[in-house]
PDB file of N, CA and C in Angstrom:
ATOM      1  N   MET A   1     -14.455  11.654  -6.324  1.00  0.00           N
ATOM      2  CA  MET A   1     -14.998  10.510  -5.625  1.00  0.00           C
ATOM      3  C   MET A   1     -16.077  10.987  -4.652  1.00  0.00           C
ATOM      4  N   ALA A   2     -17.163  10.292  -4.597  1.00  0.00           N
ATOM      5  CA  ALA A   2     -18.294  10.667  -3.736  1.00  0.00           C
ATOM      6  C   ALA A   2     -17.956  10.443  -2.273  1.00  0.00           C
ATOM      7  N   ASP A   3     -18.486  11.302  -1.438  1.00  0.00           N
ATOM      8  CA  ASP A   3     -18.329  11.172   0.003  1.00  0.00           C
ATOM      9  C   ASP A   3     -19.242  10.042   0.471  1.00  0.00           C
ATOM     10  N   LEU A   4     -18.668   9.006   1.045  1.00  0.00           N
ATOM     11  CA  LEU A   4     -19.443   7.839   1.450  1.00  0.00           C
ATOM     12  C   LEU A   4     -20.356   8.130   2.629  1.00  0.00           C
ATOM     13  N   ASP A   5     -20.082   9.225   3.345  1.00  0.00           N
ATOM     14  CA  ASP A   5     -20.931   9.587   4.482  1.00  0.00           C
ATOM     15  C   ASP A   5     -22.140  10.423   4.062  1.00  0.00           C
ATOM     16  N   GLU A   6     -22.142  10.871   2.808  1.00  0.00           N
ATOM     17  CA  GLU A   6     -23.250  11.694   2.337  1.00  0.00           C
ATOM     18  C   GLU A   6     -24.478  10.810   2.120  1.00  0.00           C
ATOM     19  N   PRO A   7     -25.635  11.237   2.615  1.00  0.00           N
ATOM     20  CA  PRO A   7     -26.843  10.421   2.449  1.00  0.00           C
ATOM     21  C   PRO A   7     -27.257  10.324   0.983  1.00  0.00           C
ATOM     22  N   ARG A   8     -27.888   9.232   0.648  1.00  0.00           N
ATOM     23  CA  ARG A   8     -28.387   9.048  -0.713  1.00  0.00           C
ATOM     24  C   ARG A   8     -29.562   9.987  -0.918  1.00  0.00           C
ATOM     25  N   VAL A   9     -29.489  10.811  -1.946  1.00  0.00           N
ATOM     26  CA  VAL A   9     -30.507  11.808  -2.210  1.00  0.00           C
ATOM     27  C   VAL A   9     -31.391  11.383  -3.384  1.00  0.00           C
ATOM     28  N   ILE A  10     -30.769  10.824  -4.402  1.00  0.00           N
ATOM     29  CA  ILE A  10     -31.514  10.438  -5.597  1.00  0.00           C
ATOM     30  C   ILE A  10     -32.009   9.014  -5.427  1.00  0.00           C
ATOM     31  N   GLY A  11     -33.256   8.816  -5.697  1.00  0.00           N
ATOM     32  CA  GLY A  11     -33.869   7.501  -5.577  1.00  0.00           C
ATOM     33  C   GLY A  11     -35.333   7.609  -5.896  1.00  0.00           C
ATOM     34  N   PRO A  12     -36.092   6.610  -5.532  1.00  0.00           N
ATOM     35  CA  PRO A  12     -37.530   6.658  -5.794  1.00  0.00           C
ATOM     36  C   PRO A  12     -38.165   7.922  -5.200  1.00  0.00           C
ATOM     37  N   GLY A  13     -38.971   8.588  -6.007  1.00  0.00           N
ATOM     38  CA  GLY A  13     -39.653   9.783  -5.544  1.00  0.00           C
ATOM     39  C   GLY A  13     -38.837  11.060  -5.625  1.00  0.00           C
ATOM     40  N   PHE A  14     -37.627  10.987  -6.178  1.00  0.00           N
ATOM     41  CA  PHE A  14     -36.757  12.163  -6.238  1.00  0.00           C
ATOM     42  C   PHE A  14     -37.422  13.333  -6.960  1.00  0.00           C
ATOM     43  N   ARG A  15     -37.989  13.076  -8.120  1.00  0.00           N
ATOM     44  CA  ARG A  15     -38.622  14.161  -8.881  1.00  0.00           C
ATOM     45  C   ARG A  15     -39.719  14.839  -8.073  1.00  0.00           C
ATOM     46  N   ASP A  16     -40.553  14.061  -7.413  1.00  0.00           N
ATOM     47  CA  ASP A  16     -41.634  14.643  -6.618  1.00  0.00           C
ATOM     48  C   ASP A  16     -41.078  15.494  -5.473  1.00  0.00           C
ATOM     49  N   LYS A  17     -39.951  15.069  -4.908  1.00  0.00           N
ATOM     50  CA  LYS A  17     -39.323  15.860  -3.844  1.00  0.00           C
ATOM     51  C   LYS A  17     -38.810  17.188  -4.409  1.00  0.00           C
ATOM     52  N   VAL A  18     -38.223  17.138  -5.603  1.00  0.00           N
ATOM     53  CA  VAL A  18     -37.766  18.363  -6.259  1.00  0.00           C
ATOM     54  C   VAL A  18     -38.947  19.311  -6.461  1.00  0.00           C
ATOM     55  N   TYR A  19     -40.044  18.783  -6.975  1.00  0.00           N
ATOM     56  CA  TYR A  19     -41.208  19.619  -7.264  1.00  0.00           C
ATOM     57  C   TYR A  19     -41.786  20.234  -5.985  1.00  0.00           C
ATOM     58  N   THR A  20     -41.760  19.490  -4.901  1.00  0.00           N
ATOM     59  CA  THR A  20     -42.246  20.013  -3.618  1.00  0.00           C
ATOM     60  C   THR A  20     -41.393  21.194  -3.160  1.00  0.00           C
ATOM     61  N   VAL A  21     -40.087  21.069  -3.285  1.00  0.00           N
ATOM     62  CA  VAL A  21     -39.181  22.148  -2.886  1.00  0.00           C
ATOM     63  C   VAL A  21     -39.375  23.363  -3.792  1.00  0.00           C
ATOM     64  N   VAL A  22     -39.463  23.151  -5.088  1.00  0.00           N
ATOM     65  CA  VAL A  22     -39.587  24.255  -6.037  1.00  0.00           C
ATOM     66  C   VAL A  22     -40.916  24.993  -5.834  1.00  0.00           C
ATOM     67  N   ARG A  23     -41.950  24.285  -5.462  1.00  0.00           N
ATOM     68  CA  ARG A  23     -43.244  24.942  -5.198  1.00  0.00           C
ATOM     69  C   ARG A  23     -43.167  25.923  -4.030  1.00  0.00           C
ATOM     70  N   ARG A  24     -42.160  25.806  -3.188  1.00  0.00           N
ATOM     71  CA  ARG A  24     -42.005  26.712  -2.039  1.00  0.00           C
ATOM     72  C   ARG A  24     -41.465  28.081  -2.451  1.00  0.00           C
ATOM     73  N   ILE A  25     -40.876  28.204  -3.616  1.00  0.00           N
ATOM     74  CA  ILE A  25     -40.260  29.462  -4.046  1.00  0.00           C
ATOM     75  C   ILE A  25     -41.368  30.438  -4.449  1.00  0.00           C
ATOM     76  N   PRO A  26     -41.495  31.550  -3.734  1.00  0.00           N
ATOM     77  CA  PRO A  26     -42.564  32.496  -4.063  1.00  0.00           C
ATOM     78  C   PRO A  26     -42.239  33.329  -5.299  1.00  0.00           C
ATOM     79  N   ALA A  27     -43.269  33.882  -5.891  1.00  0.00           N
ATOM     80  CA  ALA A  27     -43.096  34.796  -7.016  1.00  0.00           C
ATOM     81  C   ALA A  27     -42.177  35.936  -6.591  1.00  0.00           C
ATOM     82  N   GLY A  28     -41.301  36.345  -7.496  1.00  0.00           N
ATOM     83  CA  GLY A  28     -40.370  37.427  -7.206  1.00  0.00           C
ATOM     84  C   GLY A  28     -39.058  36.970  -6.609  1.00  0.00           C
ATOM     85  N   TYR A  29     -38.900  35.655  -6.465  1.00  0.00           N
ATOM     86  CA  TYR A  29     -37.666  35.069  -5.948  1.00  0.00           C
ATOM     87  C   TYR A  29     -37.188  33.971  -6.882  1.00  0.00           C
ATOM     88  N   VAL A  30     -35.902  33.656  -6.763  1.00  0.00           N
ATOM     89  CA  VAL A  30     -35.323  32.544  -7.512  1.00  0.00           C
ATOM     90  C   VAL A  30     -34.537  31.655  -6.557  1.00  0.00           C
ATOM     91  N   SER A  31     -34.221  30.490  -7.032  1.00  0.00           N
ATOM     92  CA  SER A  31     -33.368  29.556  -6.323  1.00  0.00           C
ATOM     93  C   SER A  31     -32.431  28.970  -7.361  1.00  0.00           C
ATOM     94  N   THR A  32     -31.343  28.381  -6.915  1.00  0.00           N
ATOM     95  CA  THR A  32     -30.448  27.720  -7.863  1.00  0.00           C
ATOM     96  C   THR A  32     -30.689  26.213  -7.815  1.00  0.00           C
ATOM     97  N   TYR A  33     -30.212  25.546  -8.837  1.00  0.00           N
ATOM     98  CA  TYR A  33     -30.326  24.084  -8.865  1.00  0.00           C
ATOM     99  C   TYR A  33     -29.630  23.485  -7.648  1.00  0.00           C
ATOM    100  N   GLY A  34     -28.473  24.039  -7.282  1.00  0.00           N
ATOM    101  CA  GLY A  34     -27.752  23.563  -6.109  1.00  0.00           C
ATOM    102  C   GLY A  34     -28.478  23.839  -4.810  1.00  0.00           C
ATOM    103  N   ASP A  35     -29.180  24.984  -4.738  1.00  0.00           N
ATOM    104  CA  ASP A  35     -29.973  25.289  -3.544  1.00  0.00           C
ATOM    105  C   ASP A  35     -31.057  24.237  -3.346  1.00  0.00           C
ATOM    106  N   VAL A  36     -31.747  23.903  -4.421  1.00  0.00           N
ATOM    107  CA  VAL A  36     -32.803  22.886  -4.340  1.00  0.00           C
ATOM    108  C   VAL A  36     -32.188  21.565  -3.897  1.00  0.00           C
ATOM    109  N   GLY A  37     -31.052  21.215  -4.482  1.00  0.00           N
ATOM    110  CA  GLY A  37     -30.369  19.988  -4.079  1.00  0.00           C
ATOM    111  C   GLY A  37     -29.973  20.012  -2.609  1.00  0.00           C
ATOM    112  N   SER A  38     -29.525  21.166  -2.126  1.00  0.00           N
ATOM    113  CA  SER A  38     -29.142  21.287  -0.720  1.00  0.00           C
ATOM    114  C   SER A  38     -30.329  21.058   0.204  1.00  0.00           C
ATOM    115  N   VAL A  39     -31.477  21.605  -0.150  1.00  0.00           N
ATOM    116  CA  VAL A  39     -32.681  21.378   0.652  1.00  0.00           C
ATOM    117  C   VAL A  39     -33.001  19.891   0.702  1.00  0.00           C
ATOM    118  N   LEU A  40     -32.722  19.202  -0.395  1.00  0.00           N
ATOM    119  CA  LEU A  40     -32.993  17.764  -0.468  1.00  0.00           C
ATOM    120  C   LEU A  40     -31.898  16.915   0.175  1.00  0.00           C
ATOM    121  N   GLY A  41     -30.763  17.545   0.509  1.00  0.00           N
ATOM    122  CA  GLY A  41     -29.708  16.798   1.180  1.00  0.00           C
ATOM    123  C   GLY A  41     -28.338  16.871   0.547  1.00  0.00           C
ATOM    124  N   SER A  42     -28.236  17.412  -0.693  1.00  0.00           N
ATOM    125  CA  SER A  42     -26.925  17.503  -1.318  1.00  0.00           C
ATOM    126  C   SER A  42     -26.924  18.492  -2.482  1.00  0.00           C
ATOM    127  N   PRO A  43     -26.037  19.504  -2.426  1.00  0.00           N
ATOM    128  CA  PRO A  43     -25.932  20.421  -3.554  1.00  0.00           C
ATOM    129  C   PRO A  43     -25.344  19.744  -4.791  1.00  0.00           C
ATOM    130  N   ARG A  44     -24.779  18.570  -4.613  1.00  0.00           N
ATOM    131  CA  ARG A  44     -24.158  17.833  -5.720  1.00  0.00           C
ATOM    132  C   ARG A  44     -25.171  17.259  -6.712  1.00  0.00           C
ATOM    133  N   VAL A  45     -26.447  17.321  -6.386  1.00  0.00           N
ATOM    134  CA  VAL A  45     -27.464  16.774  -7.295  1.00  0.00           C
ATOM    135  C   VAL A  45     -28.099  17.868  -8.150  1.00  0.00           C
ATOM    136  N   ALA A  46     -27.401  19.004  -8.281  1.00  0.00           N
ATOM    137  CA  ALA A  46     -27.933  20.127  -9.057  1.00  0.00           C
ATOM    138  C   ALA A  46     -28.322  19.696 -10.471  1.00  0.00           C
ATOM    139  N   ARG A  47     -27.486  18.933 -11.112  1.00  0.00           N
ATOM    140  CA  ARG A  47     -27.784  18.490 -12.482  1.00  0.00           C
ATOM    141  C   ARG A  47     -29.055  17.643 -12.525  1.00  0.00           C
ATOM    142  N   GLN A  48     -29.223  16.772 -11.544  1.00  0.00           N
ATOM    143  CA  GLN A  48     -30.416  15.929 -11.497  1.00  0.00           C
ATOM    144  C   GLN A  48     -31.668  16.760 -11.216  1.00  0.00           C
ATOM    145  N   VAL A  49     -31.522  17.841 -10.447  1.00  0.00           N
ATOM    146  CA  VAL A  49     -32.634  18.763 -10.229  1.00  0.00           C
ATOM    147  C   VAL A  49     -33.052  19.351 -11.574  1.00  0.00           C
ATOM    148  N   GLY A  50     -32.074  19.747 -12.371  1.00  0.00           N
ATOM    149  CA  GLY A  50     -32.362  20.274 -13.705  1.00  0.00           C
ATOM    150  C   GLY A  50     -33.073  19.260 -14.577  1.00  0.00           C
ATOM    151  N   PHE A  51     -32.627  18.009 -14.523  1.00  0.00           N
ATOM    152  CA  PHE A  51     -33.285  16.958 -15.312  1.00  0.00           C
ATOM    153  C   PHE A  51     -34.731  16.775 -14.875  1.00  0.00           C
ATOM    154  N   ALA A  52     -34.971  16.827 -13.569  1.00  0.00           N
ATOM    155  CA  ALA A  52     -36.331  16.669 -13.052  1.00  0.00           C
ATOM    156  C   ALA A  52     -37.227  17.802 -13.541  1.00  0.00           C
ATOM    157  N   LEU A  53     -36.718  19.025 -13.524  1.00  0.00           N
ATOM    158  CA  LEU A  53     -37.512  20.158 -13.979  1.00  0.00           C
ATOM    159  C   LEU A  53     -37.745  20.110 -15.485  1.00  0.00           C
ATOM    160  N   ALA A  54     -36.753  19.648 -16.231  1.00  0.00           N
ATOM    161  CA  ALA A  54     -36.904  19.530 -17.686  1.00  0.00           C
ATOM    162  C   ALA A  54     -37.950  18.483 -18.061  1.00  0.00           C
ATOM    163  N   ALA A  55     -38.206  17.547 -17.171  1.00  0.00           N
ATOM    164  CA  ALA A  55     -39.167  16.470 -17.443  1.00  0.00           C
ATOM    165  C   ALA A  55     -40.619  16.879 -17.175  1.00  0.00           C
ATOM    166  N   LEU A  56     -40.813  18.080 -16.633  1.00  0.00           N
ATOM    167  CA  LEU A  56     -42.180  18.517 -16.329  1.00  0.00           C
ATOM    168  C   LEU A  56     -43.003  18.675 -17.608  1.00  0.00           C
ATOM    169  N   PRO A  57     -44.274  18.308 -17.561  1.00  0.00           N
ATOM    170  CA  PRO A  57     -45.135  18.489 -18.734  1.00  0.00           C
ATOM    171  C   PRO A  57     -45.548  19.954 -18.891  1.00  0.00           C
ATOM    172  N   ASP A  58     -45.933  20.327 -20.093  1.00  0.00           N
ATOM    173  CA  ASP A  58     -46.476  21.665 -20.323  1.00  0.00           C
ATOM    174  C   ASP A  58     -47.693  21.862 -19.434  1.00  0.00           C
ATOM    175  N   GLY A  59     -47.876  23.075 -18.958  1.00  0.00           N
ATOM    176  CA  GLY A  59     -49.047  23.380 -18.143  1.00  0.00           C
ATOM    177  C   GLY A  59     -48.919  22.979 -16.687  1.00  0.00           C
ATOM    178  N   THR A  60     -47.746  22.569 -16.255  1.00  0.00           N
ATOM    179  CA  THR A  60     -47.539  22.168 -14.864  1.00  0.00           C
ATOM    180  C   THR A  60     -47.738  23.340 -13.908  1.00  0.00           C
ATOM    181  N   ASP A  61     -48.086  23.042 -12.666  1.00  0.00           N
ATOM    182  CA  ASP A  61     -48.203  24.085 -11.651  1.00  0.00           C
ATOM    183  C   ASP A  61     -46.889  24.285 -10.884  1.00  0.00           C
ATOM    184  N   VAL A  62     -45.868  23.527 -11.218  1.00  0.00           N
ATOM    185  CA  VAL A  62     -44.559  23.684 -10.575  1.00  0.00           C
ATOM    186  C   VAL A  62     -43.878  24.904 -11.199  1.00  0.00           C
ATOM    187  N   PRO A  63     -43.476  25.888 -10.391  1.00  0.00           N
ATOM    188  CA  PRO A  63     -42.859  27.099 -10.939  1.00  0.00           C
ATOM    189  C   PRO A  63     -41.387  26.885 -11.324  1.00  0.00           C
ATOM    190  N   TRP A  64     -41.166  26.013 -12.281  1.00  0.00           N
ATOM    191  CA  TRP A  64     -39.828  25.632 -12.744  1.00  0.00           C
ATOM    192  C   TRP A  64     -38.984  26.833 -13.139  1.00  0.00           C
ATOM    193  N   HIS A  65     -39.634  27.886 -13.603  1.00  0.00           N
ATOM    194  CA  HIS A  65     -38.908  29.053 -14.101  1.00  0.00           C
ATOM    195  C   HIS A  65     -38.160  29.793 -12.999  1.00  0.00           C
ATOM    196  N   ARG A  66     -38.465  29.510 -11.750  1.00  0.00           N
ATOM    197  CA  ARG A  66     -37.816  30.197 -10.627  1.00  0.00           C
ATOM    198  C   ARG A  66     -36.490  29.561 -10.222  1.00  0.00           C
ATOM    199  N   VAL A  67     -36.064  28.529 -10.936  1.00  0.00           N
ATOM    200  CA  VAL A  67     -34.784  27.876 -10.635  1.00  0.00           C
ATOM    201  C   VAL A  67     -33.803  28.220 -11.750  1.00  0.00           C
ATOM    202  N   ILE A  68     -32.698  28.844 -11.357  1.00  0.00           N
ATOM    203  CA  ILE A  68     -31.678  29.289 -12.302  1.00  0.00           C
ATOM    204  C   ILE A  68     -30.317  28.762 -11.862  1.00  0.00           C
ATOM    205  N   ASN A  69     -29.283  29.068 -12.635  1.00  0.00           N
ATOM    206  CA  ASN A  69     -27.966  28.545 -12.266  1.00  0.00           C
ATOM    207  C   ASN A  69     -27.274  29.420 -11.218  1.00  0.00           C
ATOM    208  N   ALA A  70     -26.170  28.947 -10.710  1.00  0.00           N
ATOM    209  CA  ALA A  70     -25.461  29.609  -9.612  1.00  0.00           C
ATOM    210  C   ALA A  70     -24.826  30.931 -10.028  1.00  0.00           C
ATOM    211  N   LYS A  71     -24.789  31.215 -11.326  1.00  0.00           N
ATOM    212  CA  LYS A  71     -24.281  32.496 -11.817  1.00  0.00           C
ATOM    213  C   LYS A  71     -25.382  33.550 -11.857  1.00  0.00           C
ATOM    214  N   GLY A  72     -26.609  33.156 -11.512  1.00  0.00           N
ATOM    215  CA  GLY A  72     -27.731  34.082 -11.571  1.00  0.00           C
ATOM    216  C   GLY A  72     -28.319  34.205 -12.959  1.00  0.00           C
ATOM    217  N   MET A  73     -28.114  33.161 -13.757  1.00  0.00           N
ATOM    218  CA  MET A  73     -28.561  33.190 -15.148  1.00  0.00           C
ATOM    219  C   MET A  73     -29.472  32.005 -15.465  1.00  0.00           C
ATOM    220  N   VAL A  74     -30.274  32.181 -16.489  1.00  0.00           N
ATOM    221  CA  VAL A  74     -31.085  31.093 -17.017  1.00  0.00           C
ATOM    222  C   VAL A  74     -30.140  30.173 -17.791  1.00  0.00           C
ATOM    223  N   SER A  75     -30.267  28.873 -17.596  1.00  0.00           N
ATOM    224  CA  SER A  75     -29.437  27.903 -18.318  1.00  0.00           C
ATOM    225  C   SER A  75     -30.167  27.429 -19.569  1.00  0.00           C
ATOM    226  N   ALA A  76     -29.553  27.628 -20.712  1.00  0.00           N
ATOM    227  CA  ALA A  76     -30.189  27.265 -21.981  1.00  0.00           C
ATOM    228  C   ALA A  76     -30.036  25.784 -22.297  1.00  0.00           C
ATOM    229  N   ARG A  77     -28.841  25.255 -22.161  1.00  0.00           N
ATOM    230  CA  ARG A  77     -28.567  23.841 -22.439  1.00  0.00           C
ATOM    231  C   ARG A  77     -29.125  23.380 -23.787  1.00  0.00           C
ATOM    232  N   GLY A  78     -28.941  24.203 -24.826  1.00  0.00           N
ATOM    233  CA  GLY A  78     -29.323  23.802 -26.170  1.00  0.00           C
ATOM    234  C   GLY A  78     -30.765  24.080 -26.541  1.00  0.00           C
ATOM    235  N   ASP A  79     -31.604  24.396 -25.566  1.00  0.00           N
ATOM    236  CA  ASP A  79     -32.995  24.728 -25.843  1.00  0.00           C
ATOM    237  C   ASP A  79     -33.054  26.194 -26.268  1.00  0.00           C
ATOM    238  N   VAL A  80     -33.937  26.515 -27.199  1.00  0.00           N
ATOM    239  CA  VAL A  80     -34.031  27.881 -27.685  1.00  0.00           C
ATOM    240  C   VAL A  80     -35.213  28.622 -27.070  1.00  0.00           C
ATOM    241  N   GLU A  81     -36.359  27.992 -27.004  1.00  0.00           N
ATOM    242  CA  GLU A  81     -37.574  28.666 -26.571  1.00  0.00           C
ATOM    243  C   GLU A  81     -37.739  28.730 -25.051  1.00  0.00           C
ATOM    244  N   ARG A  82     -37.473  27.650 -24.372  1.00  0.00           N
ATOM    245  CA  ARG A  82     -37.724  27.589 -22.933  1.00  0.00           C
ATOM    246  C   ARG A  82     -36.928  28.641 -22.142  1.00  0.00           C
ATOM    247  N   PRO A  83     -35.641  28.877 -22.458  1.00  0.00           N
ATOM    248  CA  PRO A  83     -34.908  29.903 -21.703  1.00  0.00           C
ATOM    249  C   PRO A  83     -35.488  31.308 -21.882  1.00  0.00           C
ATOM    250  N   VAL A  84     -35.962  31.612 -23.076  1.00  0.00           N
ATOM    251  CA  VAL A  84     -36.583  32.915 -23.316  1.00  0.00           C
ATOM    252  C   VAL A  84     -37.858  33.022 -22.489  1.00  0.00           C
ATOM    253  N   GLU A  85     -38.680  31.967 -22.521  1.00  0.00           N
ATOM    254  CA  GLU A  85     -39.908  31.944 -21.725  1.00  0.00           C
ATOM    255  C   GLU A  85     -39.585  32.093 -20.240  1.00  0.00           C
ATOM    256  N   GLN A  86     -38.540  31.412 -19.788  1.00  0.00           N
ATOM    257  CA  GLN A  86     -38.163  31.465 -18.380  1.00  0.00           C
ATOM    258  C   GLN A  86     -37.790  32.889 -17.964  1.00  0.00           C
ATOM    259  N   GLN A  87     -36.963  33.548 -18.756  1.00  0.00           N
ATOM    260  CA  GLN A  87     -36.555  34.900 -18.388  1.00  0.00           C
ATOM    261  C   GLN A  87     -37.745  35.865 -18.428  1.00  0.00           C
ATOM    262  N   VAL A  88     -38.614  35.721 -19.416  1.00  0.00           N
ATOM    263  CA  VAL A  88     -39.802  36.582 -19.486  1.00  0.00           C
ATOM    264  C   VAL A  88     -40.683  36.378 -18.258  1.00  0.00           C
ATOM    265  N   ARG A  89     -40.894  35.121 -17.869  1.00  0.00           N
ATOM    266  CA  ARG A  89     -41.705  34.849 -16.670  1.00  0.00           C
ATOM    267  C   ARG A  89     -41.103  35.489 -15.433  1.00  0.00           C
ATOM    268  N   LEU A  90     -39.777  35.356 -15.306  1.00  0.00           N
ATOM    269  CA  LEU A  90     -39.108  35.935 -14.141  1.00  0.00           C
ATOM    270  C   LEU A  90     -39.181  37.460 -14.158  1.00  0.00           C
ATOM    271  N   GLU A  91     -38.994  38.056 -15.317  1.00  0.00           N
ATOM    272  CA  GLU A  91     -39.106  39.510 -15.421  1.00  0.00           C
ATOM    273  C   GLU A  91     -40.524  39.962 -15.094  1.00  0.00           C
ATOM    274  N   ASP A  92     -41.519  39.194 -15.508  1.00  0.00           N
ATOM    275  CA  ASP A  92     -42.909  39.511 -15.176  1.00  0.00           C
ATOM    276  C   ASP A  92     -43.148  39.473 -13.661  1.00  0.00           C
ATOM    277  N   GLU A  93     -42.335  38.700 -12.940  1.00  0.00           N
ATOM    278  CA  GLU A  93     -42.446  38.608 -11.481  1.00  0.00           C
ATOM    279  C   GLU A  93     -41.559  39.635 -10.771  1.00  0.00           C
ATOM    280  N   GLY A  94     -40.867  40.469 -11.545  1.00  0.00           N
ATOM    281  CA  GLY A  94     -40.062  41.527 -10.954  1.00  0.00           C
ATOM    282  C   GLY A  94     -38.572  41.266 -10.876  1.00  0.00           C
ATOM    283  N   ILE A  95     -38.112  40.150 -11.379  1.00  0.00           N
ATOM    284  CA  ILE A  95     -36.675  39.857 -11.375  1.00  0.00           C
ATOM    285  C   ILE A  95     -36.027  40.680 -12.488  1.00  0.00           C
ATOM    286  N   VAL A  96     -34.955  41.382 -12.152  1.00  0.00           N
ATOM    287  CA  VAL A  96     -34.263  42.231 -13.114  1.00  0.00           C
ATOM    288  C   VAL A  96     -32.975  41.529 -13.560  1.00  0.00           C
ATOM    289  N   PHE A  97     -32.785  41.456 -14.860  1.00  0.00           N
ATOM    290  CA  PHE A  97     -31.573  40.888 -15.446  1.00  0.00           C
ATOM    291  C   PHE A  97     -30.768  42.001 -16.103  1.00  0.00           C
ATOM    292  N   ASP A  98     -29.450  41.893 -16.026  1.00  0.00           N
ATOM    293  CA  ASP A  98     -28.612  42.887 -16.687  1.00  0.00           C
ATOM    294  C   ASP A  98     -28.459  42.539 -18.165  1.00  0.00           C
ATOM    295  N   GLU A  99     -27.658  43.325 -18.863  1.00  0.00           N
ATOM    296  CA  GLU A  99     -27.491  43.132 -20.310  1.00  0.00           C
ATOM    297  C   GLU A  99     -26.838  41.798 -20.658  1.00  0.00           C
ATOM    298  N   ASN A 100     -26.221  41.151 -19.675  1.00  0.00           N
ATOM    299  CA  ASN A 100     -25.600  39.841 -19.886  1.00  0.00           C
ATOM    300  C   ASN A 100     -26.519  38.698 -19.475  1.00  0.00           C
ATOM    301  N   GLY A 101     -27.756  39.021 -19.095  1.00  0.00           N
ATOM    302  CA  GLY A 101     -28.712  37.987 -18.711  1.00  0.00           C
ATOM    303  C   GLY A 101     -28.521  37.464 -17.297  1.00  0.00           C
ATOM    304  N   ARG A 102     -27.935  38.267 -16.449  1.00  0.00           N
ATOM    305  CA  ARG A 102     -27.654  37.852 -15.077  1.00  0.00           C
ATOM    306  C   ARG A 102     -28.473  38.689 -14.091  1.00  0.00           C
ATOM    307  N   CYS A 103     -29.022  38.026 -13.071  1.00  0.00           N
ATOM    308  CA  CYS A 103     -29.694  38.764 -11.997  1.00  0.00           C
ATOM    309  C   CYS A 103     -28.791  38.745 -10.767  1.00  0.00           C
ATOM    310  N   VAL A 104     -29.043  39.641  -9.857  1.00  0.00           N
ATOM    311  CA  VAL A 104     -28.267  39.708  -8.614  1.00  0.00           C
ATOM    312  C   VAL A 104     -28.882  38.697  -7.639  1.00  0.00           C
ATOM    313  N   LEU A 105     -28.215  37.572  -7.482  1.00  0.00           N
ATOM    314  CA  LEU A 105     -28.747  36.522  -6.606  1.00  0.00           C
ATOM    315  C   LEU A 105     -28.961  37.017  -5.182  1.00  0.00           C
ATOM    316  N   ALA A 106     -28.085  37.871  -4.703  1.00  0.00           N
ATOM    317  CA  ALA A 106     -28.224  38.365  -3.330  1.00  0.00           C
ATOM    318  C   ALA A 106     -29.546  39.110  -3.129  1.00  0.00           C
ATOM    319  N   ALA A 107     -30.089  39.661  -4.190  1.00  0.00           N
ATOM    320  CA  ALA A 107     -31.335  40.415  -4.085  1.00  0.00           C
ATOM    321  C   ALA A 107     -32.574  39.539  -4.230  1.00  0.00           C
ATOM    322  N   TYR A 108     -32.468  38.441  -4.978  1.00  0.00           N
ATOM    323  CA  TYR A 108     -33.649  37.663  -5.335  1.00  0.00           C
ATOM    324  C   TYR A 108     -33.649  36.213  -4.842  1.00  0.00           C
ATOM    325  N   ARG A 109     -32.576  35.778  -4.246  1.00  0.00           N
ATOM    326  CA  ARG A 109     -32.453  34.367  -3.860  1.00  0.00           C
ATOM    327  C   ARG A 109     -33.352  34.022  -2.680  1.00  0.00           C
ATOM    328  N   TYR A 110     -34.139  32.986  -2.853  1.00  0.00           N
ATOM    329  CA  TYR A 110     -35.008  32.487  -1.788  1.00  0.00           C
ATOM    330  C   TYR A 110     -34.175  31.641  -0.839  1.00  0.00           C
ATOM    331  N   THR A 111     -34.393  31.782   0.474  1.00  0.00           N
ATOM    332  CA  THR A 111     -33.522  31.114   1.446  1.00  0.00           C
ATOM    333  C   THR A 111     -34.137  29.910   2.147  1.00  0.00           C
ATOM    334  N   TYR A 112     -35.378  29.564   1.863  1.00  0.00           N
ATOM    335  CA  TYR A 112     -36.030  28.386   2.455  1.00  0.00           C
ATOM    336  C   TYR A 112     -36.040  28.416   3.979  1.00  0.00           C
ATOM    337  N   GLU A 113     -36.149  29.589   4.555  1.00  0.00           N
ATOM    338  CA  GLU A 113     -36.132  29.716   6.013  1.00  0.00           C
ATOM    339  C   GLU A 113     -37.534  29.772   6.601  1.00  0.00           C
ATOM    340  N   ASP A 114     -38.551  29.407   5.859  1.00  0.00           N
ATOM    341  CA  ASP A 114     -39.908  29.470   6.410  1.00  0.00           C
ATOM    342  C   ASP A 114     -40.321  28.164   7.034  1.00  0.00           C
TER     343      ASP A 114
END
């Protein structure tokens, strides 16, 4: 059951708010879907953050590839090409993944403290 005291996070302009937060993540860092949701007011909207990023058009300037799951992994969700592209982009920025496709979040996680 949802906490009735929690502010409404999803509504008009939600996607644009997600994109604004994601644009803050510098090269060489990652954030989780829940982290982005927390910046927006609720970590519970992690799934909706993912939907917003999946809706981006090709060629976007939003660095969608810098958002990964809370396990430190790229989320495939049935897509074959995009997760491979995402990991390659992150590796090109210096993010190291182990043989299981996991990065050390403590080393690469962006904290939004700027």
